[in-house]
Protein backbone atom coordinates (compact mmCIF):
# COMPACT_ATOMS: atom_id res chain seq x y z
CA UNK A 1 6.32 -16.99 -57.67
CA UNK A 2 9.87 -15.64 -57.42
CA UNK A 3 11.00 -12.34 -58.87
CA UNK A 4 12.59 -14.09 -61.86
CA UNK A 5 9.88 -16.65 -62.60
CA UNK A 6 7.43 -16.20 -65.41
CA UNK A 7 3.62 -16.57 -65.21
CA UNK A 8 3.96 -19.95 -66.87
CA UNK A 9 6.54 -21.07 -64.31
CA UNK A 10 4.21 -20.03 -61.53
CA UNK A 11 1.38 -22.03 -63.08
CA UNK A 12 3.55 -25.07 -63.46
CA UNK A 13 4.70 -24.76 -59.83
CA UNK A 14 1.09 -24.53 -58.63
CA UNK A 15 0.03 -27.50 -60.71
CA UNK A 16 2.81 -29.53 -59.20
CA UNK A 17 1.96 -28.47 -55.61
CA UNK A 18 -1.74 -29.29 -56.15
CA UNK A 19 -0.83 -32.75 -57.46
CA UNK A 20 1.59 -33.34 -54.52
CA UNK A 21 -1.30 -32.62 -52.12
CA UNK A 22 -3.65 -34.96 -53.99
CA UNK A 23 -1.24 -37.83 -53.88
CA UNK A 24 -0.36 -37.18 -50.24
CA UNK A 25 -4.01 -37.67 -49.32
CA UNK A 26 -4.11 -41.19 -50.79
CA UNK A 27 -0.53 -42.18 -49.94
CA UNK A 28 -1.55 -44.06 -46.72
CA UNK A 29 -4.24 -46.12 -48.54
CA UNK A 30 -4.01 -49.43 -50.27
CA UNK A 31 -5.65 -50.19 -53.66
CA UNK A 32 -8.66 -51.85 -51.97
CA UNK A 33 -9.34 -48.67 -50.00
CA UNK A 34 -8.93 -46.51 -53.06
CA UNK A 35 -11.51 -48.50 -54.96
CA UNK A 36 -13.98 -49.17 -52.11
CA UNK A 37 -17.43 -47.58 -52.12
CA UNK A 38 -17.75 -46.14 -48.65
CA UNK A 39 -20.99 -44.19 -49.24
CA UNK A 40 -23.44 -43.67 -52.14
CA UNK A 41 -22.91 -39.93 -51.55
CA UNK A 42 -19.18 -40.14 -52.27
CA UNK A 43 -17.13 -41.42 -55.17
CA UNK A 44 -14.50 -44.07 -54.74
CA UNK A 45 -11.18 -42.23 -54.40
CA UNK A 46 -9.90 -43.94 -57.56
CA UNK A 47 -12.74 -42.26 -59.51
CA UNK A 48 -11.84 -38.85 -58.08
CA UNK A 49 -8.15 -39.27 -59.17
CA UNK A 50 -9.17 -40.36 -62.67
CA UNK A 51 -11.70 -37.47 -62.90
CA UNK A 52 -9.07 -34.91 -61.84
CA UNK A 53 -6.79 -36.13 -64.66
CA UNK A 54 -9.59 -36.45 -67.22
CA UNK A 55 -10.87 -32.89 -66.71
CA UNK A 56 -7.29 -31.71 -66.96
CA UNK A 57 -7.02 -33.54 -70.25
CA UNK A 58 -10.33 -32.12 -71.48
CA UNK A 59 -9.52 -28.47 -70.78
CA UNK A 60 -5.68 -28.09 -70.67
CA UNK A 61 -4.72 -30.69 -73.32
CA UNK A 62 -7.64 -31.07 -75.73
CA UNK A 63 -9.52 -27.73 -75.57
CA UNK A 64 -6.46 -25.49 -75.18
CA UNK A 65 -3.90 -27.64 -76.92
CA UNK A 66 -6.01 -29.21 -79.64
CA UNK A 67 -4.56 -32.68 -79.00
CA UNK A 68 -6.39 -36.03 -79.23
CA UNK A 69 -7.35 -37.83 -75.95
CA UNK A 70 -5.16 -40.61 -74.70
CA UNK A 71 -8.25 -42.81 -74.07
CA UNK A 72 -11.22 -41.60 -76.09
CA UNK A 73 -13.84 -43.39 -74.04
CA UNK A 74 -12.78 -42.16 -70.59
CA UNK A 75 -14.64 -38.87 -70.94
CA UNK A 76 -17.94 -40.62 -70.48
CA UNK A 77 -16.68 -42.62 -67.48
CA UNK A 78 -15.49 -39.48 -65.65
CA UNK A 79 -18.35 -37.25 -66.57
CA UNK A 80 -19.67 -36.00 -63.19
CA UNK A 81 -23.08 -34.97 -64.57
CA UNK A 82 -23.71 -38.22 -66.52
CA UNK A 83 -22.53 -40.50 -63.71
CA UNK A 84 -24.02 -39.72 -60.26
CA UNK A 85 -21.84 -40.66 -57.32
CA UNK A 86 -23.96 -43.78 -56.36
CA UNK A 87 -22.97 -45.57 -59.59
CA UNK A 88 -19.34 -44.53 -59.94
CA UNK A 89 -17.99 -47.56 -58.19
CA UNK A 90 -19.58 -49.78 -60.88
CA UNK A 91 -17.95 -47.95 -63.83
CA UNK A 92 -14.96 -49.28 -65.83
CA UNK A 93 -12.61 -46.73 -64.34
CA UNK A 94 -8.79 -46.83 -64.39
CA UNK A 95 -7.22 -48.53 -61.42
CA UNK A 96 -3.85 -49.21 -59.76
CA UNK A 97 -0.78 -48.68 -61.98
CA UNK A 98 -2.86 -47.76 -65.04
CA UNK A 99 -4.48 -44.93 -63.14
CA UNK A 100 -1.23 -43.52 -61.89
CA UNK A 101 0.28 -43.68 -65.34
CA UNK A 102 -2.74 -41.71 -66.68
CA UNK A 103 -2.24 -39.05 -64.06
CA UNK A 104 1.45 -38.69 -65.00
CA UNK A 105 0.92 -38.82 -68.74
CA UNK A 106 -1.75 -36.16 -68.71
CA UNK A 107 0.34 -33.90 -66.59
CA UNK A 108 3.27 -34.30 -69.03
CA UNK A 109 1.04 -33.28 -71.93
CA UNK A 110 -0.42 -30.37 -69.90
CA UNK A 111 3.06 -28.90 -69.40
CA UNK A 112 3.84 -29.33 -73.07
CA UNK A 113 0.72 -27.35 -73.98
CA UNK A 114 1.44 -24.72 -71.32
CA UNK A 115 4.80 -24.08 -72.91
CA UNK A 116 3.08 -23.26 -76.26
CA UNK A 117 0.17 -21.01 -75.24
CA UNK A 118 -0.28 -17.32 -74.28
CA UNK A 119 -1.57 -16.82 -70.75
CA UNK A 120 -1.10 -13.06 -70.58
CA UNK A 121 -3.84 -10.80 -69.24
CA UNK A 122 -4.68 -9.63 -72.76
CA UNK A 123 -4.74 -13.08 -74.42
CA UNK A 124 -7.34 -13.26 -77.23
CA UNK A 125 -8.92 -16.49 -76.04
CA UNK A 126 -11.02 -15.81 -72.92
CA UNK A 127 -10.05 -19.23 -71.53
CA UNK A 128 -6.38 -18.25 -71.60
CA UNK A 129 -6.82 -14.55 -70.67
CA UNK A 130 -5.08 -14.12 -67.30
CA UNK A 131 -4.57 -17.85 -67.11
CA UNK A 132 -8.37 -18.44 -66.45
CA UNK A 133 -8.48 -22.07 -67.51
CA UNK A 134 -5.49 -22.95 -65.39
CA UNK A 135 -6.99 -21.21 -62.33
CA UNK A 136 -10.17 -23.20 -62.99
CA UNK A 137 -8.39 -26.51 -63.13
CA UNK A 138 -6.26 -25.74 -60.05
CA UNK A 139 -9.39 -24.88 -58.16
CA UNK A 140 -11.06 -28.11 -59.48
CA UNK A 141 -8.28 -30.30 -58.08
CA UNK A 142 -8.30 -28.42 -54.82
CA UNK A 143 -12.06 -28.87 -54.52
CA UNK A 144 -11.82 -32.59 -55.18
CA UNK A 145 -9.18 -32.80 -52.45
CA UNK A 146 -11.90 -31.54 -50.05
CA UNK A 147 -14.44 -34.09 -51.42
CA UNK A 148 -11.77 -36.80 -50.93
CA UNK A 149 -11.38 -35.63 -47.35
CA UNK A 150 -15.06 -36.10 -46.81
CA UNK A 151 -14.57 -39.77 -47.68
CA UNK A 152 -11.39 -40.07 -45.65
CA UNK A 153 -13.52 -39.25 -42.54
CA UNK A 154 -14.96 -42.77 -43.08
CA UNK A 155 -11.66 -44.63 -43.41
CA UNK A 156 -10.88 -46.47 -40.18
CA UNK A 157 -7.45 -45.58 -38.82
CA UNK A 158 -6.52 -43.11 -41.55
CA UNK A 159 -3.28 -41.40 -40.69
CA UNK A 160 -2.41 -38.25 -42.71
CA UNK A 161 1.10 -37.81 -44.17
CA UNK A 162 1.37 -34.28 -42.80
CA UNK A 163 -0.48 -32.50 -40.00
CA UNK A 164 -0.27 -28.86 -38.91
CA UNK A 165 -1.33 -28.62 -35.27
CA UNK A 166 -0.97 -24.85 -35.09
CA UNK A 167 -4.54 -23.86 -36.04
CA UNK A 168 -5.94 -26.13 -33.27
CA UNK A 169 -3.79 -24.36 -30.73
CA UNK A 170 -4.95 -20.83 -31.66
CA UNK A 171 -6.20 -18.84 -28.73
CA UNK A 172 -9.90 -17.97 -28.61
CA UNK A 173 -10.37 -14.74 -26.69
CA UNK A 174 -13.88 -14.14 -25.32
CA UNK A 175 -16.20 -11.59 -26.89
CA UNK A 176 -19.86 -10.68 -27.42
CA UNK A 177 -22.19 -13.40 -28.59
CA UNK A 178 -23.28 -11.38 -31.61
CA UNK A 179 -22.02 -8.34 -33.58
CA UNK A 180 -23.89 -5.68 -35.50
CA UNK A 181 -23.84 -5.20 -39.29
CA UNK A 182 -25.13 -1.83 -40.48
CA UNK A 183 -28.05 -1.66 -42.96
CA UNK A 184 -27.85 0.04 -46.30
CA UNK A 185 -26.28 -0.83 -49.59
CA UNK A 186 -23.72 -3.64 -49.67
CA UNK A 187 -21.83 -5.03 -52.75
CA UNK A 188 -22.23 -8.74 -53.38
CA UNK A 189 -20.34 -10.97 -55.82
CA UNK A 190 -16.84 -11.11 -57.26
CA UNK A 191 -15.20 -8.03 -58.79
CA UNK A 192 -14.61 -7.98 -62.53
CA UNK A 193 -10.86 -8.55 -62.19
CA UNK A 194 -9.38 -11.75 -60.95
CA UNK A 195 -10.48 -15.41 -61.08
CA UNK A 196 -13.99 -16.35 -59.97
CA UNK A 197 -16.69 -18.80 -61.00
CA UNK A 198 -19.54 -17.71 -63.16
CA UNK A 199 -22.05 -18.01 -60.28
CA UNK A 200 -20.14 -15.32 -58.28
CA UNK A 201 -20.86 -12.76 -61.07
CA UNK A 202 -22.04 -10.15 -61.75
CA UNK A 203 -21.16 -8.06 -58.74
CA UNK A 204 -24.22 -6.05 -57.70
CA UNK A 205 -25.50 -3.87 -54.81
CA UNK A 206 -28.08 -5.22 -52.34
CA UNK A 207 -30.10 -3.22 -49.88
CA UNK A 208 -30.03 -4.84 -46.37
CA UNK A 209 -31.80 -3.97 -43.18
CA UNK A 210 -29.47 -3.77 -40.11
CA UNK A 211 -28.93 -7.18 -38.49
CA UNK A 212 -26.81 -8.98 -35.96
CA UNK A 213 -24.76 -12.09 -36.58
CA UNK A 214 -23.00 -14.55 -34.28
CA UNK A 215 -19.43 -13.48 -33.63
CA UNK A 216 -18.23 -17.08 -33.93
CA UNK A 217 -19.52 -20.24 -35.60
CA UNK A 218 -21.88 -22.26 -33.39
CA UNK A 219 -19.77 -24.49 -31.13
CA UNK A 220 -20.31 -28.21 -30.24
CA UNK A 221 -21.32 -27.37 -26.65
CA UNK A 222 -24.21 -25.16 -27.75
CA UNK A 223 -25.32 -27.83 -30.31
CA UNK A 224 -25.20 -30.54 -27.62
CA UNK A 225 -27.58 -28.38 -25.48
CA UNK A 226 -29.91 -28.23 -28.51
CA UNK A 227 -29.80 -32.01 -28.91
CA UNK A 228 -30.53 -32.53 -25.18
CA UNK A 229 -33.48 -30.16 -25.32
CA UNK A 230 -35.05 -31.28 -28.61
CA UNK A 231 -33.91 -34.90 -29.24
CA UNK A 232 -32.79 -33.85 -32.71
CA UNK A 233 -30.50 -35.90 -34.85
CA UNK A 234 -26.86 -35.45 -33.86
CA UNK A 235 -24.15 -34.43 -36.37
CA UNK A 236 -22.61 -37.02 -38.59
CA UNK A 237 -19.94 -39.07 -36.71
CA UNK A 238 -21.26 -38.22 -33.24
CA UNK A 239 -21.85 -41.22 -30.97
CA UNK A 240 -22.96 -41.48 -27.32
CA UNK A 241 -20.13 -42.15 -24.88
CA UNK A 242 -22.33 -44.09 -22.40
CA UNK A 243 -22.08 -41.34 -19.78
CA UNK A 244 -24.25 -38.62 -21.19
CA UNK A 245 -21.63 -37.15 -23.45
CA UNK A 246 -20.58 -37.43 -27.12
CA UNK A 247 -17.75 -38.96 -29.00
CA UNK A 248 -16.59 -38.13 -32.55
CA UNK A 249 -16.06 -41.29 -34.64
CA UNK A 250 -14.44 -39.66 -37.67
CA UNK A 251 -11.66 -41.78 -39.07
CA UNK A 252 -12.66 -44.37 -36.46
CA UNK A 253 -10.91 -42.55 -33.66
CA UNK A 254 -13.75 -42.12 -31.16
CA UNK A 255 -12.51 -39.04 -29.34
CA UNK A 256 -14.54 -36.80 -26.97
CA UNK A 257 -16.34 -34.01 -28.75
CA UNK A 258 -14.67 -30.76 -27.81
CA UNK A 259 -17.46 -28.36 -26.63
CA UNK A 260 -15.37 -25.34 -27.67
CA UNK A 261 -14.87 -26.25 -31.35
CA UNK A 262 -17.31 -25.33 -34.08
CA UNK A 263 -19.88 -27.96 -34.82
CA UNK A 264 -19.37 -29.69 -38.21
CA UNK A 265 -21.17 -32.25 -40.42
CA UNK A 266 -24.64 -30.81 -39.82
CA UNK A 267 -27.29 -30.54 -42.53
CA UNK A 268 -29.14 -27.40 -43.46
CA UNK A 269 -32.28 -28.88 -41.94
CA UNK A 270 -30.42 -29.31 -38.62
CA UNK A 271 -28.77 -25.90 -38.86
CA UNK A 272 -32.11 -24.20 -39.47
CA UNK A 273 -33.71 -26.06 -36.53
CA UNK A 274 -30.88 -25.04 -34.21
CA UNK A 275 -31.20 -21.38 -35.25
CA UNK A 276 -34.92 -21.41 -34.58
CA UNK A 277 -34.34 -23.17 -31.26
CA UNK A 278 -31.88 -20.41 -30.32
CA UNK A 279 -34.45 -17.67 -31.16
CA UNK A 280 -32.56 -16.66 -34.22
CA UNK A 281 -32.33 -17.61 -37.91
CA UNK A 282 -29.79 -18.48 -40.56
CA UNK A 283 -28.41 -15.42 -42.37
CA UNK A 284 -29.09 -14.91 -46.06
CA UNK A 285 -26.07 -15.30 -48.25
CA UNK A 286 -26.23 -11.56 -48.91
CA UNK A 287 -26.13 -10.86 -45.20
CA UNK A 288 -23.26 -13.34 -44.73
CA UNK A 289 -21.14 -11.66 -47.43
CA UNK A 290 -21.85 -8.21 -45.92
CA UNK A 291 -20.71 -9.53 -42.49
CA UNK A 292 -17.60 -11.05 -44.03
CA UNK A 293 -16.40 -7.65 -45.43
CA UNK A 294 -12.81 -7.06 -44.35
CA UNK A 295 -12.02 -10.73 -43.55
CA UNK A 296 -9.07 -12.33 -45.29
CA UNK A 297 -7.81 -15.87 -45.81
CA UNK A 298 -4.36 -15.10 -44.52
CA UNK A 299 -5.30 -15.61 -40.87
CA UNK A 300 -7.73 -18.53 -41.05
CA UNK A 301 -7.79 -22.25 -40.61
CA UNK A 302 -7.61 -23.41 -44.25
CA UNK A 303 -5.38 -25.61 -46.38
CA UNK A 304 -6.40 -29.08 -45.03
CA UNK A 305 -3.42 -29.85 -42.82
CA UNK A 306 -5.09 -29.03 -39.49
CA UNK A 307 -7.44 -31.98 -40.07
CA UNK A 308 -10.02 -30.31 -37.80
CA UNK A 309 -11.46 -26.96 -36.74
CA UNK A 310 -9.84 -24.40 -34.49
CA UNK A 311 -11.50 -23.31 -31.25
CA UNK A 312 -14.59 -21.13 -31.82
CA UNK A 313 -13.33 -17.55 -31.45
CA UNK A 314 -9.83 -18.20 -32.81
CA UNK A 315 -8.06 -15.88 -35.30
CA UNK A 316 -9.55 -12.81 -33.66
CA UNK A 317 -6.78 -10.73 -35.30
CA UNK A 318 -8.28 -11.63 -38.70
CA UNK A 319 -11.83 -10.61 -37.87
CA UNK A 320 -14.18 -9.01 -40.36
CA UNK A 321 -14.85 -5.25 -40.04
CA UNK A 322 -18.07 -6.08 -38.06
CA UNK A 323 -16.09 -8.06 -35.54
CA UNK A 324 -17.16 -11.58 -36.62
CA UNK A 325 -14.35 -14.08 -36.48
CA UNK A 326 -13.67 -17.22 -38.54
CA UNK A 327 -15.83 -16.07 -41.42
CA UNK A 328 -13.34 -17.86 -43.64
CA UNK A 329 -12.10 -21.35 -42.83
CA UNK A 330 -12.87 -23.94 -40.17
CA UNK A 331 -16.43 -24.85 -41.26
CA UNK A 332 -18.62 -24.03 -44.22
CA UNK A 333 -21.66 -22.06 -42.99
CA UNK A 334 -25.17 -22.78 -44.18
CA UNK A 335 -27.21 -19.75 -45.22
CA UNK A 336 -30.98 -19.35 -45.65
CA UNK A 337 -30.59 -18.79 -49.36
CA UNK A 338 -31.45 -21.00 -52.37
CA UNK A 339 -28.68 -21.29 -54.99
CA UNK A 340 -29.88 -18.84 -57.63
CA UNK A 341 -28.29 -16.80 -60.51
CA UNK A 342 -27.14 -13.28 -59.82
CA UNK A 343 -28.39 -10.41 -62.02
CA UNK A 344 -26.49 -10.46 -65.33
CA UNK A 345 -25.31 -14.09 -64.87
CA UNK A 346 -23.68 -15.61 -67.94
CA UNK A 347 -22.52 -19.25 -67.94
CA UNK A 348 -18.74 -19.58 -68.53
CA UNK A 349 -17.02 -21.68 -69.60
CA UNK A 350 -19.73 -24.31 -69.45
CA UNK A 351 -23.34 -24.30 -68.08
CA UNK A 352 -22.92 -27.57 -66.12
CA UNK A 353 -20.72 -25.99 -63.43
CA UNK A 354 -23.45 -23.72 -61.95
CA UNK A 355 -26.45 -23.17 -64.17
CA UNK A 356 -27.92 -26.71 -64.01
CA UNK A 357 -28.02 -26.45 -60.15
CA UNK A 358 -29.92 -23.12 -59.93
CA UNK A 359 -33.33 -23.26 -58.33
CA UNK A 360 -34.95 -24.12 -55.02
CA UNK A 361 -33.43 -27.51 -54.41
CA UNK A 362 -29.98 -26.44 -53.22
CA UNK A 363 -28.98 -24.24 -50.33
CA UNK A 364 -25.89 -21.96 -50.32
CA UNK A 365 -22.93 -22.37 -47.94
CA UNK A 366 -20.23 -19.78 -47.45
CA UNK A 367 -16.80 -19.29 -46.05
CA UNK A 368 -14.81 -22.53 -46.65
CA UNK A 369 -13.61 -25.07 -44.12
CA UNK A 370 -10.37 -26.41 -42.69
CA UNK A 371 -10.39 -28.74 -45.70
CA UNK A 372 -10.53 -25.87 -48.22
CA UNK A 373 -7.37 -24.68 -49.89
CA UNK A 374 -6.39 -21.12 -49.05
CA UNK A 375 -6.05 -19.90 -52.65
CA UNK A 376 -9.50 -21.24 -53.54
CA UNK A 377 -11.68 -19.38 -51.00
CA UNK A 378 -12.82 -15.82 -51.08
CA UNK A 379 -15.71 -13.85 -49.59
CA UNK A 380 -17.74 -14.14 -52.78
CA UNK A 381 -17.27 -17.91 -53.15
CA UNK A 382 -20.62 -19.80 -53.23
CA UNK A 383 -20.79 -23.46 -52.35
CA UNK A 384 -24.09 -25.36 -52.51
CA UNK A 385 -25.70 -28.65 -51.53
CA UNK A 386 -28.92 -30.34 -50.79
CA UNK A 387 -30.41 -29.39 -47.40
CA UNK A 388 -30.31 -32.96 -46.02
CA UNK A 389 -26.61 -33.46 -46.74
CA UNK A 390 -24.20 -33.80 -43.81
CA UNK A 391 -21.01 -35.34 -45.17
CA UNK A 392 -19.65 -31.83 -46.12
CA UNK A 393 -17.66 -29.88 -43.56
CA UNK A 394 -20.57 -27.71 -42.78
CA UNK A 395 -21.52 -25.83 -39.59
CA UNK A 396 -23.42 -22.60 -39.05
CA UNK A 397 -23.60 -19.20 -37.44
CA UNK A 398 -26.95 -17.57 -36.67
CA UNK A 399 -28.35 -14.07 -37.34
CA UNK A 400 -31.32 -12.02 -36.15
CA UNK A 401 -32.94 -8.73 -37.12
CA UNK A 402 -31.48 -5.75 -35.29
């Protein structure tokens, strides 16, 4: 946002940048690849594109602008709750030129509505106050980019339009294996001001015993030792190289696994087993957030373009106050915690974003990954998934009682 631009101009610019990134991801693909079902755990990319546009239409055109939908029946086709991923390839979704026209038409209507509404911090409508609904839809598109990148790991020979090699070349100075976090009262959750999802609120104090946490995410080399000792299931995309080592087969490249990079594509079950094998445990999400205090997203491997993790120990100049590095970016980190509501939780703007997932079935992940957009992640951000899932860009770091 320049000195002379308005809040609406800034929103329009960010919407345009988000769409540019979305279309860049699929630019190398043909229509068959866009519509192919690669896994029952992931939507066809064409469904993701239509869903991004349809949710934009629902919130930014219909709910905020009061306009009629372009295609009345599409809401049911692109309803993520009603249509689990395993059936999305069978739905009558938009394809090819019709899909791209829908994306463009919805965006044109979105900008028309934006020109008419009040997005000031004191707007009467809570959806518009401080531009909340626009922040929500920007975050939604960014998060679907990360889901699309999960699928792109399965596309043989995928070549990104843009790559930023700088995060992969970051130095990784040596340091202690673990760092200490003081016990006592620690704040958890998002502050009252600024955008956050409902599950990050309300902010509340928690009392923690002193503990130690790994300075870096667990690296591939350590995880390979765990596999050799236990015979456990390897991370997704790992294959034997025939000489006792491992290859990564993501995007069909079959490159040697770098022992110094954070391990990625591990399930909660595998992360928990590794932590116990190492004589440690997974941190609770409250411990993780306390350890993350002082870390920022400015110096972190985020924003997708690295297309992989930095060396474990990189970005030491962006460490948290406790000395832990890479708390944000590189890989999501599994925690020991179930996805539950915070004290004072209130669903907003709809219960299907968080509330329907609360309970003991889902485990919380924290910190973001290389595939996460920088302006989406924050120390209070809570991701969640089933403990057996490995397609997400998930790794771990361990903790132990002090």
